Amino acid sequence: MKATWLSDGTPIPMETLLAEGVYYEALPTEPSAYQPVMERLKSERGYVHQDEVELRPQTPNLDAICAKFDGEHLHDEDEVRFVLEGEGVFDIRSRDDRWMRVRVEVGDLIVVPAKRHHRFELTDRKTIRCVRLFQDPAGWVPHYREPDANSPSQQRSSIDP
């Protein structure tokens, strides 16, 4: 995991991410090693459903699927992802409305808190496979933030490879 302020690339300490409500943990990718952590999170945070999602260059309609995530949005519940393969980038709004960029890779567990504006995109590899946890998968709907075309904070800088 690499976390930086999008505005200037300054590293974000883990303590700052935690203070912002973003949970992170590095885990082994063998199910026998990570599953106890998933069970603990389910118990502590009320998640009731677990599945896997996989995106690859050959995934049908990949661009359309990714377009659902790259607009600034929030959810009514936490967004939980544990990366088993590939990589991706979460841009997450801080409480003072600055962008925090969090690049996740194999072994990274991230929890973006409920009602926190964020966006997600794949890196140039266009590959990610993640374990997901939900409180209510039927109700996990993105609520998009209206863009302000004059705000430089809405602009996205390129993803480093």
Protein backbone atom coordinates (compact mmCIF):
# COMPACT_ATOMS: atom_id res chain seq x y z
CA MET A 1 0.00 0.00 0.00
CA LYS A 2 1.19 3.45 -0.85
CA ALA A 3 -0.77 6.49 0.36
CA THR A 4 -0.06 10.04 -0.77
CA TRP A 5 -1.81 13.40 -0.96
CA LEU A 6 -2.93 13.73 -4.56
CA SER A 7 -2.17 17.46 -4.64
CA ASP A 8 1.57 17.13 -4.11
CA GLY A 9 2.50 13.45 -3.71
CA THR A 10 3.48 13.84 -0.06
CA PRO A 11 3.30 10.47 1.76
CA ILE A 12 0.41 9.98 4.17
CA PRO A 13 1.35 8.26 7.44
CA MET A 14 -0.74 5.27 8.53
CA GLU A 15 -1.86 7.24 11.60
CA THR A 16 -3.42 9.87 9.33
CA LEU A 17 -5.29 7.25 7.30
CA LEU A 18 -6.62 5.71 10.52
CA ALA A 19 -7.62 9.15 11.85
CA GLU A 20 -9.53 9.65 8.58
CA GLY A 21 -11.39 6.38 9.22
CA VAL A 22 -9.58 4.41 6.49
CA TYR A 23 -8.60 0.99 7.82
CA TYR A 24 -5.60 -0.84 6.35
CA GLU A 25 -3.93 -4.14 7.06
CA ALA A 26 -1.35 -6.23 5.16
CA LEU A 27 -2.21 -9.93 5.06
CA PRO A 28 -0.93 -13.14 3.47
CA THR A 29 -3.04 -14.23 0.50
CA GLU A 30 -3.56 -17.87 1.51
CA PRO A 31 -7.19 -18.36 2.56
CA SER A 32 -6.14 -20.08 5.79
CA ALA A 33 -4.22 -16.92 6.73
CA TYR A 34 -6.64 -14.17 5.66
CA GLN A 35 -10.00 -15.82 6.37
CA PRO A 36 -9.73 -15.47 10.17
CA VAL A 37 -9.28 -11.72 9.66
CA MET A 38 -12.35 -11.62 7.40
CA GLU A 39 -14.35 -13.49 10.07
CA ARG A 40 -13.14 -11.03 12.74
CA LEU A 41 -14.19 -8.05 10.59
CA LYS A 42 -17.59 -9.64 9.93
CA SER A 43 -18.11 -10.08 13.65
CA GLU A 44 -16.83 -6.64 14.66
CA ARG A 45 -18.41 -4.58 11.88
CA GLY A 46 -21.55 -6.49 10.98
CA TYR A 47 -20.59 -7.68 7.50
CA VAL A 48 -22.74 -10.65 6.49
CA HIS A 49 -21.71 -11.44 2.93
CA GLN A 50 -18.33 -12.31 1.40
CA ASP A 51 -17.49 -12.81 -2.25
CA GLU A 52 -14.73 -12.26 -4.81
CA VAL A 53 -14.64 -9.88 -7.74
CA GLU A 54 -12.21 -10.14 -10.63
CA LEU A 55 -11.43 -7.68 -13.41
CA ARG A 56 -8.97 -8.38 -16.23
CA PRO A 57 -8.25 -6.91 -19.67
CA GLN A 58 -10.37 -9.68 -21.23
CA THR A 59 -13.37 -9.04 -18.93
CA PRO A 60 -16.37 -8.28 -21.17
CA ASN A 61 -17.38 -4.60 -21.01
CA LEU A 62 -14.40 -3.77 -18.77
CA ASP A 63 -14.47 -0.06 -19.65
CA ALA A 64 -18.18 0.22 -18.80
CA ILE A 65 -17.67 -1.66 -15.54
CA CYS A 66 -14.75 0.58 -14.54
CA ALA A 67 -16.73 3.71 -15.44
CA LYS A 68 -19.11 2.90 -12.57
CA PHE A 69 -16.28 3.31 -10.07
CA ASP A 70 -14.20 6.21 -11.39
CA GLY A 71 -16.75 8.94 -10.69
CA GLU A 72 -16.70 10.44 -7.21
CA HIS A 73 -19.28 8.64 -5.09
CA LEU A 74 -20.04 7.26 -1.66
CA HIS A 75 -21.90 4.25 -0.27
CA ASP A 76 -24.20 3.84 2.72
CA GLU A 77 -21.88 1.14 4.05
CA ASP A 78 -18.14 0.51 4.14
CA GLU A 79 -16.29 -0.57 1.02
CA VAL A 80 -14.09 -3.52 2.01
CA ARG A 81 -11.49 -4.94 -0.39
CA PHE A 82 -8.69 -7.45 0.14
CA VAL A 83 -6.46 -7.71 -2.92
CA LEU A 84 -5.54 -11.25 -3.97
CA GLU A 85 -4.12 -10.34 -7.37
CA GLY A 86 -3.35 -7.19 -9.34
CA GLU A 87 -3.63 -3.61 -8.14
CA GLY A 88 -5.84 -0.56 -8.10
CA VAL A 89 -6.08 3.01 -6.87
CA PHE A 90 -8.59 4.51 -4.45
CA ASP A 91 -8.81 8.29 -4.30
CA ILE A 92 -10.54 9.07 -0.99
CA ARG A 93 -11.70 12.46 0.27
CA SER A 94 -10.25 13.52 3.59
CA ARG A 95 -12.51 15.14 6.15
CA ASP A 96 -11.19 18.54 4.99
CA ASP A 97 -12.06 17.63 1.36
CA ARG A 98 -8.54 16.91 0.05
CA TRP A 99 -7.82 13.84 -2.05
CA MET A 100 -5.85 10.98 -0.50
CA ARG A 101 -4.54 8.52 -3.10
CA VAL A 102 -4.20 4.94 -1.83
CA ARG A 103 -2.64 2.42 -4.18
CA VAL A 104 -3.48 -1.16 -3.17
CA GLU A 105 -1.62 -4.28 -4.27
CA VAL A 106 -1.55 -7.98 -3.47
CA GLY A 107 -2.01 -8.57 0.26
CA ASP A 108 -3.57 -5.17 1.01
CA LEU A 109 -6.85 -4.98 2.94
CA ILE A 110 -8.57 -1.59 2.85
CA VAL A 111 -11.83 -0.37 4.34
CA VAL A 112 -13.15 2.90 2.93
CA PRO A 113 -15.63 4.14 5.52
CA ALA A 114 -19.32 4.50 4.76
CA LYS A 115 -20.49 7.88 3.46
CA ARG A 116 -16.94 8.89 2.46
CA HIS A 117 -16.57 10.22 -1.08
CA HIS A 118 -14.09 8.24 -3.13
CA ARG A 119 -13.38 6.88 -6.59
CA PHE A 120 -11.52 3.83 -7.86
CA GLU A 121 -9.60 2.92 -10.96
CA LEU A 122 -7.41 0.14 -12.19
CA THR A 123 -3.77 0.73 -13.00
CA ASP A 124 -2.44 0.21 -16.53
CA ARG A 125 -2.30 -3.55 -15.84
CA LYS A 126 -6.14 -3.51 -15.74
CA THR A 127 -6.15 -6.50 -13.38
CA ILE A 128 -7.49 -6.92 -9.86
CA ARG A 129 -9.02 -9.78 -7.90
CA CYS A 130 -10.42 -8.98 -4.48
CA VAL A 131 -12.33 -10.44 -1.59
CA ARG A 132 -15.26 -8.16 -0.74
CA LEU A 133 -17.30 -7.93 2.45
CA PHE A 134 -20.78 -6.42 2.64
CA GLN A 135 -23.38 -5.63 5.26
CA ASP A 136 -26.10 -5.77 2.61
CA PRO A 137 -24.95 -6.53 -0.96
CA ALA A 138 -28.39 -5.69 -2.35
CA GLY A 139 -28.13 -2.18 -0.91
CA TRP A 140 -24.56 -1.41 -1.95
CA VAL A 141 -25.30 1.40 -4.34
CA PRO A 142 -23.04 4.28 -5.36
CA HIS A 143 -24.35 7.78 -4.69
CA TYR A 144 -22.50 10.12 -7.05
CA ARG A 145 -21.30 13.56 -6.06
CA GLU A 146 -22.22 16.36 -8.43
CA PRO A 147 -19.00 17.55 -10.09
CA ASP A 148 -17.94 21.17 -9.88
CA ALA A 149 -16.26 21.85 -13.21
CA ASN A 150 -14.42 24.87 -11.79
CA SER A 151 -12.89 22.99 -8.89
CA PRO A 152 -9.32 21.74 -9.40
CA SER A 153 -9.97 19.19 -6.65
CA GLN A 154 -12.25 17.31 -9.07
CA GLN A 155 -9.43 16.77 -11.53
CA ARG A 156 -7.59 13.47 -11.57
CA SER A 157 -3.87 13.15 -12.12
CA SER A 158 -2.58 10.14 -13.98
CA ILE A 159 -2.03 6.81 -12.28
CA ASP A 160 1.61 5.82 -12.07
CA PRO A 161 2.25 2.35 -13.57
